[in-house]
Amino acid sequence: MISILNIDTLIDKNHNHYSSFLIEPLENGQAITLGNSLPRTLLSNITCFSTTAIKINNICNEFVSIHGIKEDLVDILSNIKQIVYKKKKNNFNFLNLLGYFYLKGPILVSSGILKLPKNTLQIINPMQHICTLTSNLELFLELRIEKKKNTKFQTTEKIKSDLLLNNISNILLIENTFFAIKKINYKVRIIFDNFGLLKESLFLEIITNGSILP
């Protein structure tokens, strides 16, 4: 009888989740088949949430500098891109939603300040730095968060056609990915079963960004 054993599990300082699994005994050729197909299936079919667009103080493009903010807009967009979201409830099925915050400086702004709709998402890395307000500037930031499978860039037309973001001229797009799984490794080993027959064993390692468990 084939068994799947969870050998090891850990979480690193960056909130990445690691688990290793052992699948055995397998017939000759089955381990390499599973080892090739499982990563492709997981990477292409697992969904996750990512930020795809923002509005910030009615700024129209990422090349405008904002007096009173230490970072430029390119750095702010890069920081926001690294926010990791996780569903709070399994029955939450929205494909997109909005998060926002309104602040007055001076203050260090991190992802934990974001206000999200109740009982929808939680932020895995609440200490993720967004920007630094160096004056008494008032900052309003609105984020569009989408749930998708492995997809990269969202077109301007696609995002601007969605009415969740009002005043579409002020939307700044974020080229983001939808990879909950960061890495998958596998190894095939030759083993003998309880009857002394030659079998195969599949050792599988999975690393996620924390939005789902391996």
C-alpha atoms as a PDB file:
ATOM      1  CA  MET A   1       0.000   0.000   0.000  1.00  0.00           C
ATOM      2  CA  ILE A   2       1.373   3.409  -0.993  1.00  0.00           C
ATOM      3  CA  SER A   3       1.885   5.858   1.900  1.00  0.00           C
ATOM      4  CA  ILE A   4       2.607   9.591   1.971  1.00  0.00           C
ATOM      5  CA  LEU A   5       4.664  10.644   4.993  1.00  0.00           C
ATOM      6  CA  ASN A   6       5.339  14.242   6.057  1.00  0.00           C
ATOM      7  CA  ILE A   7       8.974  13.985   7.147  1.00  0.00           C
ATOM      8  CA  ASP A   8       9.821  17.545   8.111  1.00  0.00           C
ATOM      9  CA  THR A   9       8.131  20.966   8.394  1.00  0.00           C
ATOM     10  CA  LEU A  10       9.567  24.373   9.275  1.00  0.00           C
ATOM     11  CA  ILE A  11       8.983  28.121   8.855  1.00  0.00           C
ATOM     12  CA  ASP A  12      11.897  30.485   8.216  1.00  0.00           C
ATOM     13  CA  LYS A  13      12.324  34.122   9.277  1.00  0.00           C
ATOM     14  CA  ASN A  14      10.794  35.312   5.991  1.00  0.00           C
ATOM     15  CA  HIS A  15       7.581  33.329   6.668  1.00  0.00           C
ATOM     16  CA  ASN A  16       8.369  30.760   3.979  1.00  0.00           C
ATOM     17  CA  HIS A  17       6.907  27.326   4.793  1.00  0.00           C
ATOM     18  CA  TYR A  18       8.974  24.221   4.061  1.00  0.00           C
ATOM     19  CA  SER A  19       7.807  20.610   4.117  1.00  0.00           C
ATOM     20  CA  SER A  20       9.296  17.374   2.846  1.00  0.00           C
ATOM     21  CA  PHE A  21       7.344  14.246   1.963  1.00  0.00           C
ATOM     22  CA  LEU A  22       8.121  10.606   1.243  1.00  0.00           C
ATOM     23  CA  ILE A  23       5.858   8.675  -1.135  1.00  0.00           C
ATOM     24  CA  GLU A  24       6.466   4.909  -1.245  1.00  0.00           C
ATOM     25  CA  PRO A  25       6.503   2.132  -2.320  1.00  0.00           C
ATOM     26  CA  LEU A  26       6.049   2.880  -6.010  1.00  0.00           C
ATOM     27  CA  GLU A  27       6.423   0.618  -9.017  1.00  0.00           C
ATOM     28  CA  ASN A  28       9.391   1.049 -11.329  1.00  0.00           C
ATOM     29  CA  GLY A  29       8.921   4.237 -13.374  1.00  0.00           C
ATOM     30  CA  GLN A  30       6.131   5.663 -11.209  1.00  0.00           C
ATOM     31  CA  ALA A  31       8.394   7.855  -9.055  1.00  0.00           C
ATOM     32  CA  ILE A  32       9.907   9.741 -11.993  1.00  0.00           C
ATOM     33  CA  THR A  33       6.425  10.156 -13.515  1.00  0.00           C
ATOM     34  CA  LEU A  34       5.075  11.663 -10.295  1.00  0.00           C
ATOM     35  CA  GLY A  35       8.239  13.706  -9.794  1.00  0.00           C
ATOM     36  CA  ASN A  36       7.820  15.332 -13.209  1.00  0.00           C
ATOM     37  CA  SER A  37       4.048  15.828 -13.153  1.00  0.00           C
ATOM     38  CA  LEU A  38       3.398  16.970  -9.563  1.00  0.00           C
ATOM     39  CA  PRO A  39       5.506  20.178  -9.730  1.00  0.00           C
ATOM     40  CA  ARG A  40       3.974  21.181 -13.069  1.00  0.00           C
ATOM     41  CA  THR A  41       0.462  20.568 -11.767  1.00  0.00           C
ATOM     42  CA  LEU A  42       1.001  22.440  -8.497  1.00  0.00           C
ATOM     43  CA  LEU A  43       2.757  25.430 -10.072  1.00  0.00           C
ATOM     44  CA  SER A  44       0.085  25.881 -12.728  1.00  0.00           C
ATOM     45  CA  ASN A  45      -3.086  25.196 -10.720  1.00  0.00           C
ATOM     46  CA  ILE A  46      -2.608  26.579  -7.190  1.00  0.00           C
ATOM     47  CA  THR A  47      -4.207  30.009  -6.747  1.00  0.00           C
ATOM     48  CA  CYS A  48      -3.102  32.847  -4.492  1.00  0.00           C
ATOM     49  CA  PHE A  49      -3.717  36.563  -3.862  1.00  0.00           C
ATOM     50  CA  SER A  50      -1.418  39.336  -5.087  1.00  0.00           C
ATOM     51  CA  THR A  51      -1.568  43.123  -5.396  1.00  0.00           C
ATOM     52  CA  THR A  52      -2.100  44.146  -9.018  1.00  0.00           C
ATOM     53  CA  ALA A  53      -2.731  47.910  -8.833  1.00  0.00           C
ATOM     54  CA  ILE A  54      -2.711  50.850  -6.433  1.00  0.00           C
ATOM     55  CA  LYS A  55      -3.910  54.443  -6.124  1.00  0.00           C
ATOM     56  CA  ILE A  56      -1.747  56.768  -4.060  1.00  0.00           C
ATOM     57  CA  ASN A  57      -2.597  60.447  -3.451  1.00  0.00           C
ATOM     58  CA  ASN A  58      -3.927  60.842  -7.024  1.00  0.00           C
ATOM     59  CA  ILE A  59      -0.465  60.272  -8.501  1.00  0.00           C
ATOM     60  CA  CYS A  60      -0.757  59.420 -12.211  1.00  0.00           C
ATOM     61  CA  ASN A  61       2.544  57.615 -12.886  1.00  0.00           C
ATOM     62  CA  GLU A  62       5.410  55.949 -11.039  1.00  0.00           C
ATOM     63  CA  PHE A  63       7.980  58.523 -12.167  1.00  0.00           C
ATOM     64  CA  VAL A  64       6.548  61.342 -10.034  1.00  0.00           C
ATOM     65  CA  SER A  65       8.389  62.102  -6.799  1.00  0.00           C
ATOM     66  CA  ILE A  66       6.330  62.809  -3.679  1.00  0.00           C
ATOM     67  CA  HIS A  67       7.716  65.426  -1.317  1.00  0.00           C
ATOM     68  CA  GLY A  68       7.624  64.060   2.225  1.00  0.00           C
ATOM     69  CA  ILE A  69       8.202  60.387   1.305  1.00  0.00           C
ATOM     70  CA  LYS A  70      11.731  59.022   1.565  1.00  0.00           C
ATOM     71  CA  GLU A  71      11.305  56.330  -1.100  1.00  0.00           C
ATOM     72  CA  ASP A  72      10.455  56.907  -4.743  1.00  0.00           C
ATOM     73  CA  LEU A  73       7.346  55.332  -6.250  1.00  0.00           C
ATOM     74  CA  VAL A  74       9.274  52.537  -7.963  1.00  0.00           C
ATOM     75  CA  ASP A  75      10.569  51.387  -4.556  1.00  0.00           C
ATOM     76  CA  ILE A  76       7.100  51.699  -3.001  1.00  0.00           C
ATOM     77  CA  LEU A  77       5.591  49.538  -5.752  1.00  0.00           C
ATOM     78  CA  SER A  78       8.354  46.976  -5.266  1.00  0.00           C
ATOM     79  CA  ASN A  79       7.698  46.867  -1.506  1.00  0.00           C
ATOM     80  CA  ILE A  80       3.947  46.459  -1.974  1.00  0.00           C
ATOM     81  CA  LYS A  81       4.599  43.651  -4.450  1.00  0.00           C
ATOM     82  CA  GLN A  82       6.154  41.614  -1.625  1.00  0.00           C
ATOM     83  CA  ILE A  83       3.057  41.634   0.629  1.00  0.00           C
ATOM     84  CA  VAL A  84       1.775  38.067   1.127  1.00  0.00           C
ATOM     85  CA  TYR A  85      -1.946  37.460   1.724  1.00  0.00           C
ATOM     86  CA  LYS A  86      -3.671  34.403   3.170  1.00  0.00           C
ATOM     87  CA  LYS A  87      -7.351  33.513   3.260  1.00  0.00           C
ATOM     88  CA  LYS A  88      -8.945  33.695   6.710  1.00  0.00           C
ATOM     89  CA  LYS A  89     -11.819  31.358   5.842  1.00  0.00           C
ATOM     90  CA  ASN A  90     -12.040  28.490   3.369  1.00  0.00           C
ATOM     91  CA  ASN A  91     -15.489  29.613   2.190  1.00  0.00           C
ATOM     92  CA  PHE A  92     -14.148  33.021   1.116  1.00  0.00           C
ATOM     93  CA  ASN A  93     -14.421  32.980  -2.688  1.00  0.00           C
ATOM     94  CA  PHE A  94     -13.968  36.600  -3.849  1.00  0.00           C
ATOM     95  CA  LEU A  95     -11.623  36.953  -6.819  1.00  0.00           C
ATOM     96  CA  ASN A  96     -10.705  40.576  -6.065  1.00  0.00           C
ATOM     97  CA  LEU A  97     -11.058  43.114  -3.269  1.00  0.00           C
ATOM     98  CA  LEU A  98      -9.653  46.398  -1.994  1.00  0.00           C
ATOM     99  CA  GLY A  99      -7.348  47.289   0.847  1.00  0.00           C
ATOM    100  CA  TYR A 100      -6.425  50.785   1.954  1.00  0.00           C
ATOM    101  CA  PHE A 101      -4.919  53.022   4.622  1.00  0.00           C
ATOM    102  CA  TYR A 102      -4.945  56.732   5.438  1.00  0.00           C
ATOM    103  CA  LEU A 103      -2.030  58.114   7.461  1.00  0.00           C
ATOM    104  CA  LYS A 104      -0.373  61.351   8.426  1.00  0.00           C
ATOM    105  CA  GLY A 105       3.399  61.492   8.892  1.00  0.00           C
ATOM    106  CA  PRO A 106       6.017  61.381  10.056  1.00  0.00           C
ATOM    107  CA  ILE A 107       5.733  57.581  10.352  1.00  0.00           C
ATOM    108  CA  LEU A 108       7.184  54.298   9.125  1.00  0.00           C
ATOM    109  CA  VAL A 109       4.532  52.586   7.003  1.00  0.00           C
ATOM    110  CA  SER A 110       4.386  48.775   6.990  1.00  0.00           C
ATOM    111  CA  SER A 111       1.918  46.301   5.504  1.00  0.00           C
ATOM    112  CA  GLY A 112       0.301  45.577   8.875  1.00  0.00           C
ATOM    113  CA  ILE A 113      -1.338  49.033   8.743  1.00  0.00           C
ATOM    114  CA  LEU A 114      -3.465  48.009   5.747  1.00  0.00           C
ATOM    115  CA  LYS A 115      -7.209  47.767   6.334  1.00  0.00           C
ATOM    116  CA  LEU A 116      -8.826  44.796   4.577  1.00  0.00           C
ATOM    117  CA  PRO A 117     -12.475  43.717   4.367  1.00  0.00           C
ATOM    118  CA  LYS A 118     -13.518  41.811   7.501  1.00  0.00           C
ATOM    119  CA  ASN A 119     -12.996  38.028   7.533  1.00  0.00           C
ATOM    120  CA  THR A 120     -11.352  37.935   4.116  1.00  0.00           C
ATOM    121  CA  LEU A 121      -7.548  38.017   4.169  1.00  0.00           C
ATOM    122  CA  GLN A 122      -4.728  38.265   6.650  1.00  0.00           C
ATOM    123  CA  ILE A 123      -1.249  39.588   5.913  1.00  0.00           C
ATOM    124  CA  ILE A 124       1.465  36.986   6.496  1.00  0.00           C
ATOM    125  CA  ASN A 125       4.289  39.549   6.664  1.00  0.00           C
ATOM    126  CA  PRO A 126       2.820  42.547   8.567  1.00  0.00           C
ATOM    127  CA  MET A 127       6.284  44.063   9.053  1.00  0.00           C
ATOM    128  CA  GLN A 128       6.900  44.357   5.305  1.00  0.00           C
ATOM    129  CA  HIS A 129       8.131  47.914   4.771  1.00  0.00           C
ATOM    130  CA  ILE A 130       6.137  50.078   2.354  1.00  0.00           C
ATOM    131  CA  CYS A 131       7.487  53.611   2.761  1.00  0.00           C
ATOM    132  CA  THR A 132       8.686  56.281   5.188  1.00  0.00           C
ATOM    133  CA  LEU A 133       6.803  59.560   5.672  1.00  0.00           C
ATOM    134  CA  THR A 134       9.356  62.184   6.678  1.00  0.00           C
ATOM    135  CA  SER A 135       6.939  65.110   7.114  1.00  0.00           C
ATOM    136  CA  ASN A 136       3.315  65.714   8.103  1.00  0.00           C
ATOM    137  CA  LEU A 137       2.220  64.587   4.643  1.00  0.00           C
ATOM    138  CA  GLU A 138      -1.219  62.965   4.431  1.00  0.00           C
ATOM    139  CA  LEU A 139      -1.002  59.678   2.547  1.00  0.00           C
ATOM    140  CA  PHE A 140      -3.936  57.735   1.121  1.00  0.00           C
ATOM    141  CA  LEU A 141      -3.200  54.389  -0.482  1.00  0.00           C
ATOM    142  CA  GLU A 142      -5.711  52.010  -2.070  1.00  0.00           C
ATOM    143  CA  LEU A 143      -4.728  48.537  -3.278  1.00  0.00           C
ATOM    144  CA  ARG A 144      -6.423  46.156  -5.662  1.00  0.00           C
ATOM    145  CA  ILE A 145      -5.862  42.534  -4.610  1.00  0.00           C
ATOM    146  CA  GLU A 146      -6.676  39.697  -7.005  1.00  0.00           C
ATOM    147  CA  LYS A 147      -6.864  35.930  -6.743  1.00  0.00           C
ATOM    148  CA  LYS A 148      -5.586  33.974  -9.740  1.00  0.00           C
ATOM    149  CA  LYS A 149      -3.629  30.950 -10.843  1.00  0.00           C
ATOM    150  CA  ASN A 150      -0.077  31.272 -12.114  1.00  0.00           C
ATOM    151  CA  THR A 151      -0.414  34.495 -14.134  1.00  0.00           C
ATOM    152  CA  LYS A 152       2.037  37.302 -14.624  1.00  0.00           C
ATOM    153  CA  PHE A 153       1.116  40.699 -16.010  1.00  0.00           C
ATOM    154  CA  GLN A 154      -2.396  42.154 -15.990  1.00  0.00           C
ATOM    155  CA  THR A 155      -3.152  44.427 -18.955  1.00  0.00           C
ATOM    156  CA  THR A 156      -4.054  48.082 -18.463  1.00  0.00           C
ATOM    157  CA  GLU A 157      -7.399  47.563 -20.183  1.00  0.00           C
ATOM    158  CA  LYS A 158      -8.286  44.629 -17.931  1.00  0.00           C
ATOM    159  CA  ILE A 159      -7.673  46.509 -14.693  1.00  0.00           C
ATOM    160  CA  LYS A 160      -9.136  49.840 -15.808  1.00  0.00           C
ATOM    161  CA  SER A 161     -12.326  48.113 -16.925  1.00  0.00           C
ATOM    162  CA  ASP A 162     -12.976  46.996 -13.332  1.00  0.00           C
ATOM    163  CA  LEU A 163     -15.109  49.523 -11.453  1.00  0.00           C
ATOM    164  CA  LEU A 164     -13.650  48.588  -8.057  1.00  0.00           C
ATOM    165  CA  LEU A 165     -11.065  51.306  -8.633  1.00  0.00           C
ATOM    166  CA  ASN A 166     -12.730  54.666  -9.223  1.00  0.00           C
ATOM    167  CA  ASN A 167     -11.047  57.472 -11.186  1.00  0.00           C
ATOM    168  CA  ILE A 168      -9.141  55.085 -13.429  1.00  0.00           C
ATOM    169  CA  SER A 169      -6.678  57.753 -14.605  1.00  0.00           C
ATOM    170  CA  ASN A 170      -4.822  57.466 -11.288  1.00  0.00           C
ATOM    171  CA  ILE A 171      -4.237  53.703 -11.318  1.00  0.00           C
ATOM    172  CA  LEU A 172      -0.638  52.494 -11.035  1.00  0.00           C
ATOM    173  CA  LEU A 173      -0.235  48.914 -12.227  1.00  0.00           C
ATOM    174  CA  ILE A 174       1.968  46.378 -10.461  1.00  0.00           C
ATOM    175  CA  GLU A 175       3.483  43.617 -12.559  1.00  0.00           C
ATOM    176  CA  ASN A 176       3.019  40.754 -10.136  1.00  0.00           C
ATOM    177  CA  THR A 177       3.024  36.970 -10.115  1.00  0.00           C
ATOM    178  CA  PHE A 178       0.607  34.530  -8.540  1.00  0.00           C
ATOM    179  CA  PHE A 179       3.041  31.970  -7.175  1.00  0.00           C
ATOM    180  CA  ALA A 180       2.102  30.599  -3.756  1.00  0.00           C
ATOM    181  CA  ILE A 181       4.651  27.821  -4.299  1.00  0.00           C
ATOM    182  CA  LYS A 182       8.190  29.156  -4.481  1.00  0.00           C
ATOM    183  CA  LYS A 183      10.132  25.946  -5.057  1.00  0.00           C
ATOM    184  CA  ILE A 184       9.659  22.202  -5.570  1.00  0.00           C
ATOM    185  CA  ASN A 185      12.422  19.594  -5.555  1.00  0.00           C
ATOM    186  CA  TYR A 186      12.246  15.828  -5.843  1.00  0.00           C
ATOM    187  CA  LYS A 187      14.541  12.807  -5.746  1.00  0.00           C
ATOM    188  CA  VAL A 188      13.923   9.206  -6.764  1.00  0.00           C
ATOM    189  CA  ARG A 189      15.396   6.404  -4.667  1.00  0.00           C
ATOM    190  CA  ILE A 190      15.503   2.656  -5.122  1.00  0.00           C
ATOM    191  CA  ILE A 191      14.124   0.676  -2.162  1.00  0.00           C
ATOM    192  CA  PHE A 192      12.947  -2.848  -1.291  1.00  0.00           C
ATOM    193  CA  ASP A 193       9.472  -3.531   0.047  1.00  0.00           C
ATOM    194  CA  ASN A 194       8.580  -5.929   2.884  1.00  0.00           C
ATOM    195  CA  PHE A 195       8.688  -8.851   0.459  1.00  0.00           C
ATOM    196  CA  GLY A 196      12.148  -8.005  -0.868  1.00  0.00           C
ATOM    197  CA  LEU A 197      10.837  -6.710  -4.186  1.00  0.00           C
ATOM    198  CA  LEU A 198      12.547  -3.809  -5.947  1.00  0.00           C
ATOM    199  CA  LYS A 199      10.489  -0.615  -5.659  1.00  0.00           C
ATOM    200  CA  GLU A 200      10.917   3.143  -5.893  1.00  0.00           C
ATOM    201  CA  SER A 201      10.552   5.976  -3.385  1.00  0.00           C
ATOM    202  CA  LEU A 202       9.822   9.636  -4.172  1.00  0.00           C
ATOM    203  CA  PHE A 203      11.279  12.303  -1.871  1.00  0.00           C
ATOM    204  CA  LEU A 204       9.468  15.636  -2.396  1.00  0.00           C
ATOM    205  CA  GLU A 205      10.318  19.092  -0.999  1.00  0.00           C
ATOM    206  CA  ILE A 206       7.863  22.003  -1.239  1.00  0.00           C
ATOM    207  CA  ILE A 207       8.444  25.632  -0.222  1.00  0.00           C
ATOM    208  CA  THR A 208       5.543  28.121  -0.179  1.00  0.00           C
ATOM    209  CA  ASN A 209       5.382  31.847   0.605  1.00  0.00           C
ATOM    210  CA  GLY A 210       3.160  31.166   3.635  1.00  0.00           C
ATOM    211  CA  SER A 211      -0.153  31.917   1.962  1.00  0.00           C
ATOM    212  CA  ILE A 212      -0.814  28.159   1.822  1.00  0.00           C
ATOM    213  CA  LEU A 213       0.687  25.191   3.663  1.00  0.00           C
ATOM    214  CA  PRO A 214       2.819  22.740   1.678  1.00  0.00           C
END
